[in-house]
Amino acid sequence: MATQVLNPFSFLVVDDDPLACDLLGSTLTHMGARNILFAQDAAAAQLLAQQHRPDFILLDLYMPDVDGWAALEHLRRAAPQAAVVVVTGSHFTADFMQSMDERVDGYCIKPVMPHLMAKVLTQARARRSSAQP
């Protein structure tokens, strides 16, 4: 996904770490994104997803209130069209495997470089589009 193509899409970044939100927001902005929302817990994420129907949800796995996999179910109901990309600091194969079992659309390990994020977003959008009826 070329940087100029990100502008029309909306993003919801869900991460309890403010620094991680800043870094992801900066990466997306650098890539041309202009519509970026942030939530630091699952409840705020669900509310923002319902209100704004983002095109992409970038979801951390490990948050204090609810883990990313539990939040995923609620976010899918709130914004079924959104491509969900797990963005985590975890290097555990089990986390990747569970994310795939939960049918996320993409997976990135922090810190994420813009060229890698572009590739993952392109693939995630294609997966989500093919999953829609």
N, C-alpha and C. Protein backbone atom coordinates (compact mmCIF):
# COMPACT_ATOMS: atom_id res chain seq x y z
N MET A 1 0.87 -1.17 0.00
CA MET A 1 0.00 0.00 0.00
C MET A 1 0.91 1.22 0.00
N ALA A 2 0.93 1.95 -1.08
CA ALA A 2 1.78 3.12 -1.19
C ALA A 2 1.33 4.19 -0.22
N THR A 3 2.26 5.02 0.21
CA THR A 3 1.95 6.01 1.23
C THR A 3 0.82 6.94 0.83
N GLN A 4 0.75 7.35 -0.40
CA GLN A 4 -0.30 8.27 -0.81
C GLN A 4 -1.68 7.62 -0.77
N VAL A 5 -1.73 6.31 -0.75
CA VAL A 5 -3.00 5.59 -0.77
C VAL A 5 -3.61 5.49 0.64
N LEU A 6 -2.85 5.74 1.69
CA LEU A 6 -3.37 5.63 3.05
C LEU A 6 -4.32 6.76 3.41
N ASN A 7 -4.23 7.88 2.74
CA ASN A 7 -5.02 9.04 3.12
C ASN A 7 -6.52 8.77 3.21
N PRO A 8 -7.13 8.05 2.29
CA PRO A 8 -8.59 7.88 2.41
C PRO A 8 -9.03 6.92 3.52
N PHE A 9 -8.12 6.15 4.08
CA PHE A 9 -8.48 5.15 5.08
C PHE A 9 -8.44 5.72 6.49
N SER A 10 -9.27 5.14 7.34
CA SER A 10 -9.28 5.53 8.76
C SER A 10 -8.70 4.40 9.60
N PHE A 11 -8.07 4.77 10.70
CA PHE A 11 -7.35 3.84 11.55
C PHE A 11 -7.76 4.02 13.00
N LEU A 12 -7.84 2.90 13.70
CA LEU A 12 -8.02 2.90 15.15
C LEU A 12 -6.85 2.12 15.73
N VAL A 13 -6.02 2.81 16.52
CA VAL A 13 -4.88 2.20 17.19
C VAL A 13 -5.30 1.89 18.61
N VAL A 14 -5.21 0.61 19.00
CA VAL A 14 -5.62 0.18 20.34
C VAL A 14 -4.38 -0.35 21.06
N ASP A 15 -3.91 0.43 22.03
CA ASP A 15 -2.71 0.05 22.78
C ASP A 15 -2.72 0.80 24.10
N ASP A 16 -2.43 0.10 25.19
CA ASP A 16 -2.43 0.75 26.51
C ASP A 16 -1.20 1.59 26.76
N ASP A 17 -0.18 1.46 25.92
CA ASP A 17 1.07 2.20 26.09
C ASP A 17 1.03 3.48 25.26
N PRO A 18 1.03 4.65 25.92
CA PRO A 18 0.98 5.91 25.16
C PRO A 18 2.14 6.08 24.18
N LEU A 19 3.32 5.60 24.54
CA LEU A 19 4.46 5.70 23.63
C LEU A 19 4.22 4.86 22.37
N ALA A 20 3.68 3.67 22.54
CA ALA A 20 3.37 2.82 21.39
C ALA A 20 2.34 3.50 20.49
N CYS A 21 1.33 4.13 21.09
CA CYS A 21 0.33 4.86 20.30
C CYS A 21 1.00 5.98 19.52
N ASP A 22 1.88 6.73 20.17
CA ASP A 22 2.59 7.82 19.49
C ASP A 22 3.42 7.29 18.32
N LEU A 23 4.15 6.20 18.56
CA LEU A 23 5.00 5.65 17.50
C LEU A 23 4.19 5.13 16.32
N LEU A 24 3.11 4.40 16.61
CA LEU A 24 2.26 3.91 15.52
C LEU A 24 1.60 5.06 14.79
N GLY A 25 1.13 6.05 15.55
CA GLY A 25 0.52 7.23 14.93
C GLY A 25 1.51 7.95 14.03
N SER A 26 2.75 8.11 14.49
CA SER A 26 3.78 8.76 13.69
C SER A 26 4.10 7.96 12.43
N THR A 27 4.18 6.65 12.58
CA THR A 27 4.44 5.79 11.42
C THR A 27 3.33 5.93 10.39
N LEU A 28 2.09 5.86 10.84
CA LEU A 28 0.96 5.98 9.92
C LEU A 28 0.92 7.36 9.26
N THR A 29 1.17 8.40 10.05
CA THR A 29 1.19 9.77 9.51
C THR A 29 2.29 9.91 8.47
N HIS A 30 3.45 9.36 8.78
CA HIS A 30 4.57 9.39 7.83
C HIS A 30 4.20 8.69 6.52
N MET A 31 3.33 7.71 6.61
CA MET A 31 2.90 6.95 5.44
C MET A 31 1.72 7.61 4.71
N GLY A 32 1.23 8.73 5.24
CA GLY A 32 0.17 9.46 4.55
C GLY A 32 -1.20 9.38 5.20
N ALA A 33 -1.34 8.64 6.28
CA ALA A 33 -2.65 8.53 6.95
C ALA A 33 -2.99 9.85 7.63
N ARG A 34 -4.24 10.22 7.58
CA ARG A 34 -4.69 11.47 8.20
C ARG A 34 -5.79 11.26 9.23
N ASN A 35 -6.49 10.15 9.15
CA ASN A 35 -7.62 9.89 10.05
C ASN A 35 -7.24 8.75 11.00
N ILE A 36 -6.66 9.11 12.16
CA ILE A 36 -6.17 8.13 13.12
C ILE A 36 -6.79 8.41 14.48
N LEU A 37 -7.43 7.40 15.04
CA LEU A 37 -8.00 7.48 16.39
C LEU A 37 -7.19 6.57 17.30
N PHE A 38 -7.22 6.87 18.60
CA PHE A 38 -6.46 6.09 19.57
C PHE A 38 -7.34 5.69 20.74
N ALA A 39 -7.16 4.45 21.21
CA ALA A 39 -7.84 3.96 22.41
C ALA A 39 -6.81 3.22 23.24
N GLN A 40 -6.85 3.47 24.55
CA GLN A 40 -5.88 2.82 25.43
C GLN A 40 -6.49 1.68 26.23
N ASP A 41 -7.75 1.33 25.93
CA ASP A 41 -8.35 0.15 26.55
C ASP A 41 -9.45 -0.38 25.64
N ALA A 42 -9.91 -1.58 25.93
CA ALA A 42 -10.86 -2.27 25.07
C ALA A 42 -12.21 -1.56 25.02
N ALA A 43 -12.67 -1.01 26.14
CA ALA A 43 -13.98 -0.34 26.16
C ALA A 43 -13.97 0.89 25.26
N ALA A 44 -12.92 1.70 25.36
CA ALA A 44 -12.81 2.89 24.50
C ALA A 44 -12.69 2.47 23.04
N ALA A 45 -11.96 1.41 22.78
CA ALA A 45 -11.79 0.91 21.41
C ALA A 45 -13.13 0.50 20.82
N GLN A 46 -13.91 -0.22 21.59
CA GLN A 46 -15.21 -0.66 21.08
C GLN A 46 -16.11 0.52 20.77
N LEU A 47 -16.13 1.51 21.66
CA LEU A 47 -16.95 2.69 21.45
C LEU A 47 -16.51 3.45 20.20
N LEU A 48 -15.21 3.66 20.05
CA LEU A 48 -14.70 4.36 18.87
C LEU A 48 -14.96 3.56 17.59
N ALA A 49 -14.84 2.25 17.66
CA ALA A 49 -15.10 1.41 16.48
C ALA A 49 -16.57 1.51 16.07
N GLN A 50 -17.48 1.52 17.04
CA GLN A 50 -18.90 1.66 16.73
C GLN A 50 -19.22 3.02 16.13
N GLN A 51 -18.62 4.06 16.70
CA GLN A 51 -18.93 5.42 16.27
C GLN A 51 -18.31 5.77 14.93
N HIS A 52 -17.10 5.30 14.67
CA HIS A 52 -16.35 5.77 13.50
C HIS A 52 -16.13 4.73 12.41
N ARG A 53 -16.40 3.47 12.68
CA ARG A 53 -16.25 2.40 11.68
C ARG A 53 -14.94 2.50 10.91
N PRO A 54 -13.79 2.34 11.60
CA PRO A 54 -12.50 2.49 10.92
C PRO A 54 -12.29 1.41 9.86
N ASP A 55 -11.44 1.73 8.92
CA ASP A 55 -11.06 0.76 7.89
C ASP A 55 -10.05 -0.25 8.42
N PHE A 56 -9.19 0.21 9.36
CA PHE A 56 -8.17 -0.64 9.96
C PHE A 56 -8.19 -0.49 11.47
N ILE A 57 -8.00 -1.59 12.17
CA ILE A 57 -7.80 -1.57 13.61
C ILE A 57 -6.44 -2.19 13.88
N LEU A 58 -5.55 -1.43 14.51
CA LEU A 58 -4.23 -1.92 14.89
C LEU A 58 -4.31 -2.24 16.38
N LEU A 59 -4.21 -3.52 16.72
CA LEU A 59 -4.57 -4.01 18.04
C LEU A 59 -3.40 -4.64 18.77
N ASP A 60 -3.09 -4.12 19.96
CA ASP A 60 -2.09 -4.71 20.83
C ASP A 60 -2.69 -5.96 21.48
N LEU A 61 -1.87 -6.94 21.79
CA LEU A 61 -2.37 -8.16 22.43
C LEU A 61 -2.45 -8.06 23.94
N TYR A 62 -1.45 -7.45 24.55
CA TYR A 62 -1.38 -7.47 26.01
C TYR A 62 -1.71 -6.11 26.59
N MET A 63 -2.93 -6.03 27.12
CA MET A 63 -3.42 -4.82 27.77
C MET A 63 -3.96 -5.21 29.14
N PRO A 64 -3.94 -4.30 30.10
CA PRO A 64 -4.32 -4.68 31.47
C PRO A 64 -5.79 -5.05 31.65
N ASP A 65 -6.70 -4.43 30.93
CA ASP A 65 -8.12 -4.69 31.17
C ASP A 65 -8.61 -5.96 30.47
N VAL A 66 -8.31 -6.09 29.20
CA VAL A 66 -8.75 -7.23 28.39
C VAL A 66 -7.65 -7.49 27.37
N ASP A 67 -7.33 -8.75 27.13
CA ASP A 67 -6.30 -9.01 26.12
C ASP A 67 -6.87 -8.78 24.72
N GLY A 68 -5.97 -8.66 23.78
CA GLY A 68 -6.37 -8.35 22.42
C GLY A 68 -7.30 -9.36 21.78
N TRP A 69 -7.13 -10.62 22.12
CA TRP A 69 -8.00 -11.64 21.52
C TRP A 69 -9.43 -11.50 22.03
N ALA A 70 -9.60 -11.18 23.30
CA ALA A 70 -10.95 -10.97 23.83
C ALA A 70 -11.56 -9.70 23.23
N ALA A 71 -10.74 -8.66 23.08
CA ALA A 71 -11.22 -7.42 22.48
C ALA A 71 -11.59 -7.61 21.02
N LEU A 72 -10.89 -8.51 20.34
CA LEU A 72 -11.12 -8.73 18.92
C LEU A 72 -12.57 -9.08 18.60
N GLU A 73 -13.14 -9.95 19.39
CA GLU A 73 -14.54 -10.36 19.16
C GLU A 73 -15.48 -9.15 19.19
N HIS A 74 -15.30 -8.28 20.18
CA HIS A 74 -16.15 -7.10 20.31
C HIS A 74 -15.89 -6.09 19.18
N LEU A 75 -14.64 -5.96 18.81
CA LEU A 75 -14.30 -5.02 17.74
C LEU A 75 -14.82 -5.50 16.40
N ARG A 76 -14.81 -6.80 16.17
CA ARG A 76 -15.36 -7.34 14.91
C ARG A 76 -16.86 -7.05 14.81
N ARG A 77 -17.57 -7.14 15.94
CA ARG A 77 -19.00 -6.82 15.92
C ARG A 77 -19.22 -5.33 15.71
N ALA A 78 -18.38 -4.50 16.32
CA ALA A 78 -18.53 -3.05 16.22
C ALA A 78 -18.17 -2.52 14.84
N ALA A 79 -17.18 -3.13 14.21
CA ALA A 79 -16.71 -2.67 12.89
C ALA A 79 -16.34 -3.88 12.04
N PRO A 80 -17.35 -4.60 11.54
CA PRO A 80 -17.08 -5.86 10.82
C PRO A 80 -16.28 -5.68 9.53
N GLN A 81 -16.30 -4.51 8.95
CA GLN A 81 -15.58 -4.26 7.71
C GLN A 81 -14.10 -3.98 7.94
N ALA A 82 -13.71 -3.69 9.18
CA ALA A 82 -12.33 -3.28 9.47
C ALA A 82 -11.35 -4.44 9.33
N ALA A 83 -10.22 -4.15 8.74
CA ALA A 83 -9.12 -5.10 8.71
C ALA A 83 -8.39 -4.97 10.04
N VAL A 84 -8.26 -6.07 10.77
CA VAL A 84 -7.62 -6.05 12.08
C VAL A 84 -6.20 -6.58 11.96
N VAL A 85 -5.26 -5.74 12.39
CA VAL A 85 -3.84 -6.10 12.37
C VAL A 85 -3.35 -6.10 13.82
N VAL A 86 -2.84 -7.23 14.27
CA VAL A 86 -2.22 -7.29 15.59
C VAL A 86 -0.85 -6.64 15.49
N VAL A 87 -0.59 -5.72 16.41
CA VAL A 87 0.72 -5.06 16.50
C VAL A 87 1.19 -5.26 17.93
N THR A 88 2.17 -6.12 18.11
CA THR A 88 2.57 -6.55 19.45
C THR A 88 4.08 -6.55 19.61
N GLY A 89 4.48 -6.48 20.85
CA GLY A 89 5.90 -6.62 21.17
C GLY A 89 6.29 -8.06 21.42
N SER A 90 5.32 -8.96 21.40
CA SER A 90 5.56 -10.37 21.69
C SER A 90 6.24 -11.07 20.52
N HIS A 91 7.28 -11.82 20.85
CA HIS A 91 7.96 -12.63 19.85
C HIS A 91 7.59 -14.11 19.98
N PHE A 92 6.58 -14.42 20.79
CA PHE A 92 6.20 -15.80 21.02
C PHE A 92 5.41 -16.36 19.85
N THR A 93 5.84 -17.51 19.38
CA THR A 93 5.14 -18.19 18.28
C THR A 93 3.69 -18.49 18.67
N ALA A 94 3.45 -18.82 19.92
CA ALA A 94 2.09 -19.13 20.38
C ALA A 94 1.16 -17.93 20.21
N ASP A 95 1.66 -16.72 20.42
CA ASP A 95 0.83 -15.52 20.22
C ASP A 95 0.47 -15.35 18.75
N PHE A 96 1.44 -15.60 17.88
CA PHE A 96 1.17 -15.53 16.45
C PHE A 96 0.14 -16.59 16.06
N MET A 97 0.33 -17.80 16.54
CA MET A 97 -0.58 -18.90 16.18
C MET A 97 -1.99 -18.62 16.68
N GLN A 98 -2.13 -18.13 17.90
CA GLN A 98 -3.46 -17.82 18.42
C GLN A 98 -4.10 -16.70 17.61
N SER A 99 -3.31 -15.72 17.22
CA SER A 99 -3.84 -14.63 16.41
C SER A 99 -4.36 -15.14 15.07
N MET A 100 -3.63 -16.07 14.47
CA MET A 100 -4.08 -16.66 13.21
C MET A 100 -5.34 -17.50 13.44
N ASP A 101 -5.38 -18.23 14.56
CA ASP A 101 -6.58 -19.01 14.89
C ASP A 101 -7.80 -18.11 15.06
N GLU A 102 -7.57 -16.90 15.57
CA GLU A 102 -8.65 -15.93 15.76
C GLU A 102 -8.97 -15.18 14.46
N ARG A 103 -8.24 -15.51 13.42
CA ARG A 103 -8.47 -14.96 12.07
C ARG A 103 -8.26 -13.45 11.97
N VAL A 104 -7.16 -12.97 12.58
CA VAL A 104 -6.80 -11.58 12.35
C VAL A 104 -6.37 -11.45 10.90
N ASP A 105 -6.35 -10.23 10.41
CA ASP A 105 -6.03 -10.00 9.00
C ASP A 105 -4.55 -9.73 8.76
N GLY A 106 -3.81 -9.42 9.84
CA GLY A 106 -2.39 -9.16 9.71
C GLY A 106 -1.72 -9.20 11.07
N TYR A 107 -0.40 -9.26 11.06
CA TYR A 107 0.36 -9.41 12.30
C TYR A 107 1.71 -8.72 12.14
N CYS A 108 2.06 -7.84 13.09
CA CYS A 108 3.34 -7.14 13.08
C CYS A 108 3.95 -7.19 14.47
N ILE A 109 5.27 -7.27 14.52
CA ILE A 109 5.98 -7.19 15.80
C ILE A 109 6.60 -5.80 15.91
N LYS A 110 6.39 -5.17 17.06
CA LYS A 110 6.95 -3.84 17.32
C LYS A 110 8.46 -3.95 17.49
N PRO A 111 9.20 -2.93 17.13
CA PRO A 111 8.76 -1.71 16.42
C PRO A 111 8.55 -2.01 14.93
N VAL A 112 7.57 -1.35 14.36
CA VAL A 112 7.17 -1.61 12.97
C VAL A 112 7.76 -0.53 12.07
N MET A 113 8.43 -0.97 11.04
CA MET A 113 8.99 -0.06 10.04
C MET A 113 7.90 0.27 9.01
N PRO A 114 7.90 1.50 8.47
CA PRO A 114 6.86 1.89 7.51
C PRO A 114 6.72 0.95 6.32
N HIS A 115 7.84 0.47 5.74
CA HIS A 115 7.73 -0.41 4.57
C HIS A 115 7.07 -1.74 4.93
N LEU A 116 7.33 -2.23 6.13
CA LEU A 116 6.68 -3.46 6.57
C LEU A 116 5.20 -3.21 6.87
N MET A 117 4.91 -2.09 7.52
CA MET A 117 3.52 -1.75 7.81
C MET A 117 2.72 -1.62 6.53
N ALA A 118 3.29 -1.00 5.50
CA ALA A 118 2.60 -0.85 4.23
C ALA A 118 2.25 -2.22 3.63
N LYS A 119 3.19 -3.14 3.70
CA LYS A 119 2.96 -4.48 3.15
C LYS A 119 1.87 -5.20 3.95
N VAL A 120 1.94 -5.13 5.26
CA VAL A 120 0.95 -5.81 6.11
C VAL A 120 -0.44 -5.20 5.91
N LEU A 121 -0.53 -3.88 5.80
CA LEU A 121 -1.83 -3.24 5.59
C LEU A 121 -2.43 -3.63 4.24
N THR A 122 -1.61 -3.71 3.22
CA THR A 122 -2.09 -4.13 1.90
C THR A 122 -2.64 -5.55 1.96
N GLN A 123 -1.90 -6.44 2.57
CA GLN A 123 -2.34 -7.83 2.68
C GLN A 123 -3.58 -7.96 3.57
N ALA A 124 -3.61 -7.20 4.65
CA ALA A 124 -4.77 -7.26 5.57
C ALA A 124 -6.03 -6.77 4.87
N ARG A 125 -5.91 -5.69 4.12
CA ARG A 125 -7.07 -5.15 3.40
C ARG A 125 -7.59 -6.18 2.38
N ALA A 126 -6.67 -6.85 1.70
CA ALA A 126 -7.07 -7.86 0.72
C ALA A 126 -7.76 -9.03 1.41
N ARG A 127 -7.23 -9.47 2.56
CA ARG A 127 -7.86 -10.57 3.31
C ARG A 127 -9.26 -10.19 3.77
N ARG A 128 -9.39 -8.99 4.32
CA ARG A 128 -10.70 -8.56 4.83
C ARG A 128 -11.68 -8.43 3.69
N SER A 129 -11.24 -7.88 2.57
CA SER A 129 -12.13 -7.72 1.41
C SER A 129 -12.62 -9.08 0.90
N SER A 130 -11.72 -10.07 0.89
CA SER A 130 -12.13 -11.38 0.40
C SER A 130 -13.01 -12.12 1.42
N ALA A 131 -12.96 -11.72 2.69
CA ALA A 131 -13.78 -12.35 3.72
C ALA A 131 -15.18 -11.77 3.77
N GLN A 132 -15.38 -10.59 3.19
CA GLN A 132 -16.70 -9.95 3.20
C GLN A 132 -17.62 -10.63 2.19
N PRO A 133 -18.89 -10.82 2.57
CA PRO A 133 -19.83 -11.45 1.63
C PRO A 133 -20.14 -10.55 0.45
